[in-house]
């Protein structure tokens, strides 16, 4: 029994020590997303869906709940955010070409329709991010309409 107690104490010390090492937070300019919303002009319901389901991992600004301050959860979240931003970053929308904007919206449509986004691990703790079929349809319809703009803009004259 003594060995179990020693292992438990050692694990507790390691856990407490790990709390002093944290990844950098995703706290860029929260206003950079405005360009995305201005350019794509989503209806209010779709904008709310995007804010509730996409912004935390697909922009340069993340809201961090209480549990995000616990190691190793904070490293897991940081990895998800970094990975998410490599695929689609609303804060970088202005820097995307018209073709890339079209491509990103096409990816968004495919991922939302396949129910791969938002991630299940995100919707466990964010129940309002678990999209109904009506919400999926609204996002897909909006994204398809916006894509028409980019297809038209990138087409040769």
Protein backbone atom coordinates (compact mmCIF):
# COMPACT_ATOMS: atom_id res chain seq x y z
CA UNK A 1 0.00 0.00 0.00
CA UNK A 2 2.93 2.34 0.65
CA UNK A 3 3.99 2.21 -3.02
CA UNK A 4 0.49 3.21 -4.19
CA UNK A 5 0.56 6.19 -1.82
CA UNK A 6 4.01 7.26 -3.07
CA UNK A 7 2.89 7.00 -6.69
CA UNK A 8 -0.25 9.04 -5.93
CA UNK A 9 1.80 11.76 -4.22
CA UNK A 10 4.29 11.79 -7.11
CA UNK A 11 1.47 12.12 -9.66
CA UNK A 12 -0.09 14.94 -7.63
CA UNK A 13 3.24 16.80 -7.50
CA UNK A 14 3.68 16.37 -11.26
CA UNK A 15 0.11 17.59 -11.90
CA UNK A 16 0.59 20.65 -9.70
CA UNK A 17 3.99 21.41 -11.25
CA UNK A 18 2.52 21.13 -14.75
CA UNK A 19 0.11 23.97 -13.96
CA UNK A 20 3.03 26.42 -14.16
CA UNK A 21 3.66 25.57 -17.82
CA UNK A 22 1.02 26.78 -20.26
CA UNK A 23 0.73 27.33 -23.99
CA UNK A 24 0.28 30.82 -25.39
CA UNK A 25 -3.30 31.98 -25.59
CA UNK A 26 -5.06 32.84 -28.83
CA UNK A 27 -5.72 36.49 -28.00
CA UNK A 28 -5.22 38.41 -31.22
CA UNK A 29 -7.28 41.31 -32.47
CA UNK A 30 -10.92 40.44 -31.84
CA UNK A 31 -12.05 43.07 -34.36
CA UNK A 32 -10.28 41.37 -37.31
CA UNK A 33 -13.27 39.04 -37.73
CA UNK A 34 -15.44 42.04 -38.63
CA UNK A 35 -13.95 41.98 -42.16
CA UNK A 36 -15.18 38.41 -42.57
CA UNK A 37 -18.70 39.33 -41.50
CA UNK A 38 -18.69 42.53 -43.58
CA UNK A 39 -17.52 40.68 -46.68
CA UNK A 40 -19.82 37.67 -46.35
CA UNK A 41 -22.82 39.48 -44.83
CA UNK A 42 -24.46 36.55 -43.02
CA UNK A 43 -28.05 36.92 -41.79
CA UNK A 44 -28.35 37.41 -38.02
CA UNK A 45 -29.16 33.76 -37.32
CA UNK A 46 -26.19 32.51 -39.35
CA UNK A 47 -23.87 35.09 -37.80
CA UNK A 48 -24.89 33.88 -34.35
CA UNK A 49 -24.24 30.27 -35.39
CA UNK A 50 -20.79 31.20 -36.71
CA UNK A 51 -19.98 33.13 -33.53
CA UNK A 52 -21.11 30.27 -31.29
CA UNK A 53 -19.56 27.41 -33.24
CA UNK A 54 -16.59 28.68 -35.25
CA UNK A 55 -14.87 31.70 -33.75
CA UNK A 56 -13.09 30.01 -30.85
CA UNK A 57 -11.01 27.76 -33.11
CA UNK A 58 -11.20 29.55 -36.47
CA UNK A 59 -10.14 33.10 -35.59
CA UNK A 60 -7.29 34.86 -33.82
CA UNK A 61 -9.40 35.39 -30.71
CA UNK A 62 -10.66 32.65 -28.40
CA UNK A 63 -12.90 32.86 -25.36
CA UNK A 64 -11.33 30.71 -22.65
CA UNK A 65 -13.67 29.03 -20.15
CA UNK A 66 -12.53 28.10 -16.64
CA UNK A 67 -11.41 24.58 -17.53
CA UNK A 68 -8.99 25.92 -20.13
CA UNK A 69 -6.64 26.96 -17.32
CA UNK A 70 -5.96 23.37 -16.32
CA UNK A 71 -2.97 21.54 -17.77
CA UNK A 72 -3.21 19.30 -19.86
CA UNK A 73 -6.60 20.61 -21.09
CA UNK A 74 -5.02 23.91 -22.13
CA UNK A 75 -2.49 22.13 -24.38
CA UNK A 76 -5.24 20.05 -25.95
CA UNK A 77 -7.26 23.21 -26.65
CA UNK A 78 -4.23 25.07 -28.01
CA UNK A 79 -3.60 22.21 -30.43
CA UNK A 80 -7.23 22.27 -31.63
CA UNK A 81 -7.10 26.05 -32.11
CA UNK A 82 -3.80 25.95 -33.99
CA UNK A 83 -5.05 23.14 -36.20
CA UNK A 84 -8.40 24.85 -36.81
CA UNK A 85 -6.77 28.12 -37.84
CA UNK A 86 -4.59 26.36 -40.41
CA UNK A 87 -7.74 25.21 -42.21
CA UNK A 88 -9.86 28.34 -41.91
CA UNK A 89 -9.16 31.61 -40.11
CA UNK A 90 -11.86 34.27 -40.14
CA UNK A 91 -9.38 36.82 -38.82
CA UNK A 92 -7.26 36.41 -41.96
CA UNK A 93 -10.18 36.65 -44.41
CA UNK A 94 -8.96 39.91 -45.99
CA UNK A 95 -5.66 38.27 -46.93
CA UNK A 96 -7.34 35.41 -48.82
CA UNK A 97 -7.66 35.61 -52.60
CA UNK A 98 -11.13 35.32 -54.13
CA UNK A 99 -10.34 31.73 -55.14
CA UNK A 100 -9.19 30.87 -51.62
CA UNK A 101 -12.31 32.44 -50.11
CA UNK A 102 -14.42 30.27 -52.40
CA UNK A 103 -12.37 27.20 -51.45
CA UNK A 104 -12.70 27.93 -47.71
CA UNK A 105 -16.46 28.33 -47.97
CA UNK A 106 -16.67 25.10 -49.97
CA UNK A 107 -14.73 23.34 -47.18
CA UNK A 108 -17.03 24.89 -44.59
CA UNK A 109 -20.09 23.57 -46.45
CA UNK A 110 -18.65 20.06 -46.74
CA UNK A 111 -17.59 19.88 -43.09
CA UNK A 112 -20.89 21.24 -41.74
CA UNK A 113 -23.01 19.03 -44.01
CA UNK A 114 -21.00 15.95 -42.99
CA UNK A 115 -21.42 17.03 -39.33
CA UNK A 116 -17.65 17.00 -38.88
CA UNK A 117 -17.79 20.59 -37.69
CA UNK A 118 -18.13 21.70 -35.04
CA UNK A 119 -16.12 18.92 -33.45
CA UNK A 120 -17.95 16.58 -31.11
CA UNK A 121 -15.40 17.37 -28.41
CA UNK A 122 -16.45 21.04 -28.69
CA UNK A 123 -20.18 20.37 -28.59
CA UNK A 124 -19.84 18.24 -25.44
CA UNK A 125 -19.18 21.39 -23.45
CA UNK A 126 -20.89 23.90 -25.75
CA UNK A 127 -24.39 22.53 -26.20
CA UNK A 128 -25.49 25.59 -28.19
CA UNK A 129 -22.87 24.65 -30.79
CA UNK A 130 -24.56 21.31 -31.52
CA UNK A 131 -26.27 22.28 -34.77
CA UNK A 132 -29.79 21.25 -35.71
CA UNK A 133 -30.56 20.31 -39.31
CA UNK A 134 -32.28 23.68 -39.78
CA UNK A 135 -29.13 25.50 -38.61
CA UNK A 136 -26.96 23.37 -40.90
CA UNK A 137 -29.27 24.17 -43.81
CA UNK A 138 -29.13 27.91 -43.00
CA UNK A 139 -25.31 27.94 -42.90
CA UNK A 140 -25.01 25.89 -46.10
CA UNK A 141 -27.52 28.08 -47.95
CA UNK A 142 -25.73 31.26 -46.85
CA UNK A 143 -22.28 29.87 -47.76
CA UNK A 144 -23.46 28.71 -51.19
CA UNK A 145 -24.89 32.18 -51.90
CA UNK A 146 -21.65 33.87 -50.80
CA UNK A 147 -19.61 31.49 -52.96
CA UNK A 148 -21.44 32.80 -56.03
CA UNK A 149 -19.91 36.21 -55.36
CA UNK A 150 -16.37 34.81 -55.28
CA UNK A 151 -16.90 32.57 -58.30
CA UNK A 152 -18.11 35.60 -60.25
CA UNK A 153 -15.22 37.80 -59.03
CA UNK A 154 -12.54 35.26 -59.94
CA UNK A 155 -13.99 34.38 -63.37
CA UNK A 156 -11.97 35.76 -66.31
CA UNK A 157 -13.64 38.46 -68.39
